[in-house]
Amino acid sequence: MSQPALPYVEVNPDVKAKATVIWLHGLGDSGNGFAPIVPDLKLPSELGIRFVFPHAPTRPVTINNGMLMRAWYDITSLDFNHRADSQGVKESSAFVANLIEQEIAQGIPANKIVLAGFSQGGVIALNLGTRYEKTLAGIMSMSSYMSEPEKLKEEAHSANKSTPIFVAHGTHDDVVPVFMGNAAFKVLQSNGYQVTWHEYAMQHNVCMQQLNDISSWLQEKLA
């Protein structure tokens, strides 16, 4: 049975697209949430970077009294080790893998695709990016953490062992504490990934300095 396609918001470059950033939102948000930041990244138009902001499926979220909202997976507990529902993470990773395949089918090679995510979206980006069987241009995790870090070594695919990974977090984050993001960074580092750590004096959000750093990183990886 094929996966249903995720709906998404797209922001296209002025020239023919040569690269794609697939950017996954956080809990309760939608693809519309981050789309307005594209102009703030001030990316050179000649790089032809297209942005795809998918909408997560709607599902009941346990910690929010079972309320229906856009979520990449259920959260049953705020406990560090059991925050992400692993079955939901796997399902959403498969949906997003389909999106990557769609981009490849449209002529964007895998090594010109960056997989990015904020909070819950970052969990999916790290989970899928390390397990995906084609080499990506980069993986970006913002204000996020890793689902089942103990399984990374056995489940990881060698295709993205050398893929650059940008991990960013706010030092004042009261939703996903900074130690959770740093723990993900350390797991990636100890497994030999090309990962860099970036922290900012902010809460559970993005700030201008971070967007500037992301812009420089994207330009370097997608040039």
Protein backbone atom coordinates (compact mmCIF):
# COMPACT_ATOMS: atom_id res chain seq x y z
CA MET A 1 0.00 0.00 0.00
CA SER A 2 1.50 3.37 -0.97
CA GLN A 3 1.76 6.20 1.54
CA PRO A 4 -0.73 9.07 1.10
CA ALA A 5 1.01 12.26 -0.03
CA LEU A 6 1.51 15.01 2.54
CA PRO A 7 0.01 18.39 1.57
CA TYR A 8 2.51 21.25 1.71
CA VAL A 9 3.19 24.95 1.21
CA GLU A 10 5.91 25.72 -1.32
CA VAL A 11 8.11 28.78 -1.82
CA ASN A 12 9.79 28.64 -5.22
CA PRO A 13 12.87 30.54 -6.40
CA ASP A 14 12.77 33.06 -9.27
CA VAL A 15 14.87 30.70 -11.40
CA LYS A 16 14.52 26.98 -12.14
CA ALA A 17 14.86 25.04 -8.88
CA LYS A 18 18.25 23.35 -8.43
CA ALA A 19 17.94 22.40 -4.76
CA THR A 20 15.20 21.83 -2.18
CA VAL A 21 14.86 22.38 1.54
CA ILE A 22 12.09 20.29 3.13
CA TRP A 23 11.30 22.03 6.45
CA LEU A 24 9.10 20.30 9.03
CA HIS A 25 7.10 22.32 11.57
CA GLY A 26 6.54 21.69 15.28
CA LEU A 27 3.57 20.36 17.26
CA GLY A 28 0.26 22.10 16.52
CA ASP A 29 1.74 24.29 13.80
CA SER A 30 1.44 23.80 10.03
CA GLY A 31 3.51 24.29 6.90
CA ASN A 32 2.36 27.90 6.91
CA GLY A 33 4.23 28.59 10.16
CA PHE A 34 7.76 28.80 8.78
CA ALA A 35 7.07 29.73 5.15
CA PRO A 36 7.33 33.52 5.86
CA ILE A 37 10.97 33.22 7.00
CA VAL A 38 12.30 32.37 3.53
CA PRO A 39 12.93 36.04 2.56
CA ASP A 40 14.76 36.55 5.89
CA LEU A 41 17.31 33.94 4.84
CA LYS A 42 18.39 36.25 1.99
CA LEU A 43 19.56 33.34 -0.16
CA PRO A 44 21.12 34.22 -3.53
CA SER A 45 18.51 33.62 -6.23
CA GLU A 46 21.05 31.94 -8.53
CA LEU A 47 21.23 28.98 -6.11
CA GLY A 48 17.63 28.18 -7.11
CA ILE A 49 16.58 26.87 -3.69
CA ARG A 50 12.99 25.73 -3.41
CA PHE A 51 11.34 25.34 0.00
CA VAL A 52 8.71 22.73 0.82
CA PHE A 53 6.83 23.10 4.13
CA PRO A 54 4.63 20.02 4.62
CA HIS A 55 1.62 19.87 6.96
CA ALA A 56 1.82 17.06 9.51
CA PRO A 57 -1.17 14.71 9.74
CA THR A 58 -3.87 15.60 12.28
CA ARG A 59 -3.95 13.24 15.27
CA PRO A 60 -4.99 13.22 18.94
CA VAL A 61 -2.12 14.25 21.24
CA THR A 62 -2.17 12.56 24.64
CA ILE A 63 -0.40 15.28 26.66
CA ASN A 64 -2.90 17.83 25.30
CA ASN A 65 -5.89 15.86 26.61
CA GLY A 66 -6.24 13.96 23.34
CA MET A 67 -6.91 17.16 21.39
CA LEU A 68 -6.74 16.79 17.61
CA MET A 69 -3.89 18.80 16.14
CA ARG A 70 -1.21 18.61 13.50
CA ALA A 71 1.51 16.37 14.94
CA TRP A 72 4.23 14.20 13.47
CA TYR A 73 3.66 11.72 16.31
CA ASP A 74 1.83 11.42 19.62
CA ILE A 75 3.43 12.60 22.87
CA THR A 76 2.29 10.45 25.76
CA SER A 77 4.77 11.72 28.36
CA LEU A 78 7.25 14.56 28.84
CA ASP A 79 9.79 12.06 30.13
CA PHE A 80 13.11 12.53 28.29
CA ASN A 81 13.42 8.91 27.17
CA HIS A 82 9.80 8.29 26.15
CA ARG A 83 8.62 11.60 24.73
CA ALA A 84 8.32 10.49 21.10
CA ASP A 85 5.86 7.78 20.04
CA SER A 86 8.19 5.60 17.96
CA GLN A 87 5.45 4.19 15.71
CA GLY A 88 4.30 7.71 14.81
CA VAL A 89 7.91 8.73 14.16
CA LYS A 90 8.31 5.80 11.73
CA GLU A 91 5.03 6.60 9.93
CA SER A 92 5.84 10.29 9.52
CA SER A 93 9.39 9.46 8.41
CA ALA A 94 7.85 7.34 5.62
CA PHE A 95 5.56 10.24 4.58
CA VAL A 96 8.52 12.63 4.42
CA ALA A 97 10.67 10.08 2.55
CA ASN A 98 7.93 10.13 -0.09
CA LEU A 99 8.26 13.92 -0.34
CA ILE A 100 12.01 13.54 -0.91
CA GLU A 101 11.29 11.00 -3.65
CA GLN A 102 8.83 13.45 -5.24
CA GLU A 103 11.56 16.10 -5.40
CA ILE A 104 14.00 13.59 -6.91
CA ALA A 105 11.36 12.64 -9.51
CA GLN A 106 11.10 16.35 -10.42
CA GLY A 107 14.82 16.48 -11.17
CA ILE A 108 16.36 17.57 -7.85
CA PRO A 109 19.14 15.11 -6.95
CA ALA A 110 19.17 13.77 -3.37
CA ASN A 111 22.51 15.47 -2.71
CA LYS A 112 20.82 18.82 -3.36
CA ILE A 113 18.07 18.21 -0.79
CA VAL A 114 18.27 19.42 2.82
CA LEU A 115 15.95 17.90 5.42
CA ALA A 116 15.18 20.37 8.22
CA GLY A 117 12.84 20.34 11.19
CA PHE A 118 11.84 22.37 14.23
CA SER A 119 10.93 20.63 17.52
CA GLN A 120 8.79 17.59 16.55
CA GLY A 121 9.86 18.19 12.95
CA GLY A 122 13.50 17.98 14.02
CA VAL A 123 12.87 14.55 15.53
CA ILE A 124 11.63 13.37 12.12
CA ALA A 125 14.54 15.06 10.29
CA LEU A 126 17.12 13.30 12.50
CA ASN A 127 15.30 9.98 12.41
CA LEU A 128 14.77 9.89 8.65
CA GLY A 129 17.97 11.66 7.62
CA THR A 130 20.23 9.16 9.36
CA ARG A 131 18.27 6.17 7.99
CA TYR A 132 17.62 7.37 4.42
CA GLU A 133 19.33 5.32 1.70
CA LYS A 134 20.34 8.21 -0.58
CA THR A 135 22.94 10.82 0.33
CA LEU A 136 21.36 14.18 1.23
CA ALA A 137 22.98 17.63 1.13
CA GLY A 138 22.36 18.21 4.83
CA ILE A 139 20.16 17.63 7.87
CA MET A 140 19.02 20.37 10.23
CA SER A 141 17.49 19.96 13.70
CA MET A 142 16.22 23.02 15.57
CA SER A 143 15.04 23.06 19.21
CA SER A 144 14.60 19.32 19.04
CA TYR A 145 15.81 15.94 20.29
CA MET A 146 16.32 12.36 19.12
CA SER A 147 13.81 9.52 19.22
CA GLU A 148 15.31 6.22 20.43
CA PRO A 149 18.98 7.29 20.28
CA GLU A 150 20.03 3.81 21.36
CA LYS A 151 18.78 2.44 18.00
CA LEU A 152 20.77 4.83 15.82
CA LYS A 153 23.86 2.65 15.49
CA GLU A 154 21.98 -0.43 14.27
CA GLU A 155 19.37 1.37 12.11
CA ALA A 156 21.49 4.08 10.47
CA HIS A 157 22.21 3.88 6.74
CA SER A 158 25.77 4.52 5.58
CA ALA A 159 24.53 6.88 2.81
CA ASN A 160 24.31 9.82 5.22
CA LYS A 161 27.23 9.00 7.54
CA SER A 162 29.20 11.97 6.16
CA THR A 163 26.22 14.29 5.59
CA PRO A 164 26.61 17.60 7.48
CA ILE A 165 24.16 17.96 10.36
CA PHE A 166 23.28 21.35 11.90
CA VAL A 167 21.89 21.08 15.45
CA ALA A 168 20.59 24.31 17.02
CA HIS A 169 18.91 25.06 20.36
CA GLY A 170 17.87 27.93 22.59
CA THR A 171 19.55 28.08 26.00
CA HIS A 172 16.25 29.26 27.59
CA ASP A 173 14.01 26.66 25.93
CA ASP A 174 11.33 25.62 28.46
CA VAL A 175 9.49 23.30 26.02
CA VAL A 176 12.39 21.10 24.90
CA PRO A 177 15.23 21.75 27.40
CA VAL A 178 18.61 22.48 25.83
CA PHE A 179 20.12 19.32 27.34
CA MET A 180 17.83 17.23 25.09
CA GLY A 181 19.17 18.90 21.95
CA ASN A 182 22.72 18.59 23.21
CA ALA A 183 22.17 14.90 24.00
CA ALA A 184 21.14 14.34 20.35
CA PHE A 185 24.26 16.22 19.22
CA LYS A 186 26.48 14.04 21.42
CA VAL A 187 24.88 10.80 20.17
CA LEU A 188 25.48 11.89 16.56
CA GLN A 189 29.03 12.95 17.39
CA SER A 190 29.83 9.66 19.17
CA ASN A 191 28.52 7.78 16.12
CA GLY A 192 30.94 9.64 13.85
CA TYR A 193 28.56 12.08 12.13
CA GLN A 194 29.67 15.45 10.72
CA VAL A 195 27.58 17.39 13.23
CA THR A 196 27.89 20.95 14.52
CA TRP A 197 26.27 22.45 17.64
CA HIS A 198 24.77 25.97 17.66
CA GLU A 199 23.15 27.54 20.72
CA TYR A 200 21.34 30.86 21.04
CA ALA A 201 20.04 32.96 23.93
CA MET A 202 16.39 32.29 23.05
CA GLN A 203 13.40 30.20 24.07
CA HIS A 204 11.53 27.60 21.94
CA ASN A 205 11.69 29.60 18.73
CA VAL A 206 14.12 30.84 16.09
CA CYS A 207 16.05 34.11 16.23
CA MET A 208 17.71 36.35 13.64
CA GLN A 209 21.25 35.20 14.45
CA GLN A 210 20.14 31.59 13.96
CA LEU A 211 18.52 32.44 10.61
CA ASN A 212 21.76 34.13 9.53
CA ASP A 213 23.73 31.02 10.51
CA ILE A 214 21.24 28.77 8.71
CA SER A 215 21.50 30.96 5.60
CA SER A 216 25.32 30.69 5.56
CA TRP A 217 25.13 26.94 6.14
CA LEU A 218 22.55 26.39 3.36
CA GLN A 219 24.58 28.50 0.91
CA GLU A 220 27.69 26.46 1.67
CA LYS A 221 25.92 23.07 1.40
CA LEU A 222 23.81 23.91 -1.67
CA ALA A 223 26.31 25.98 -3.68
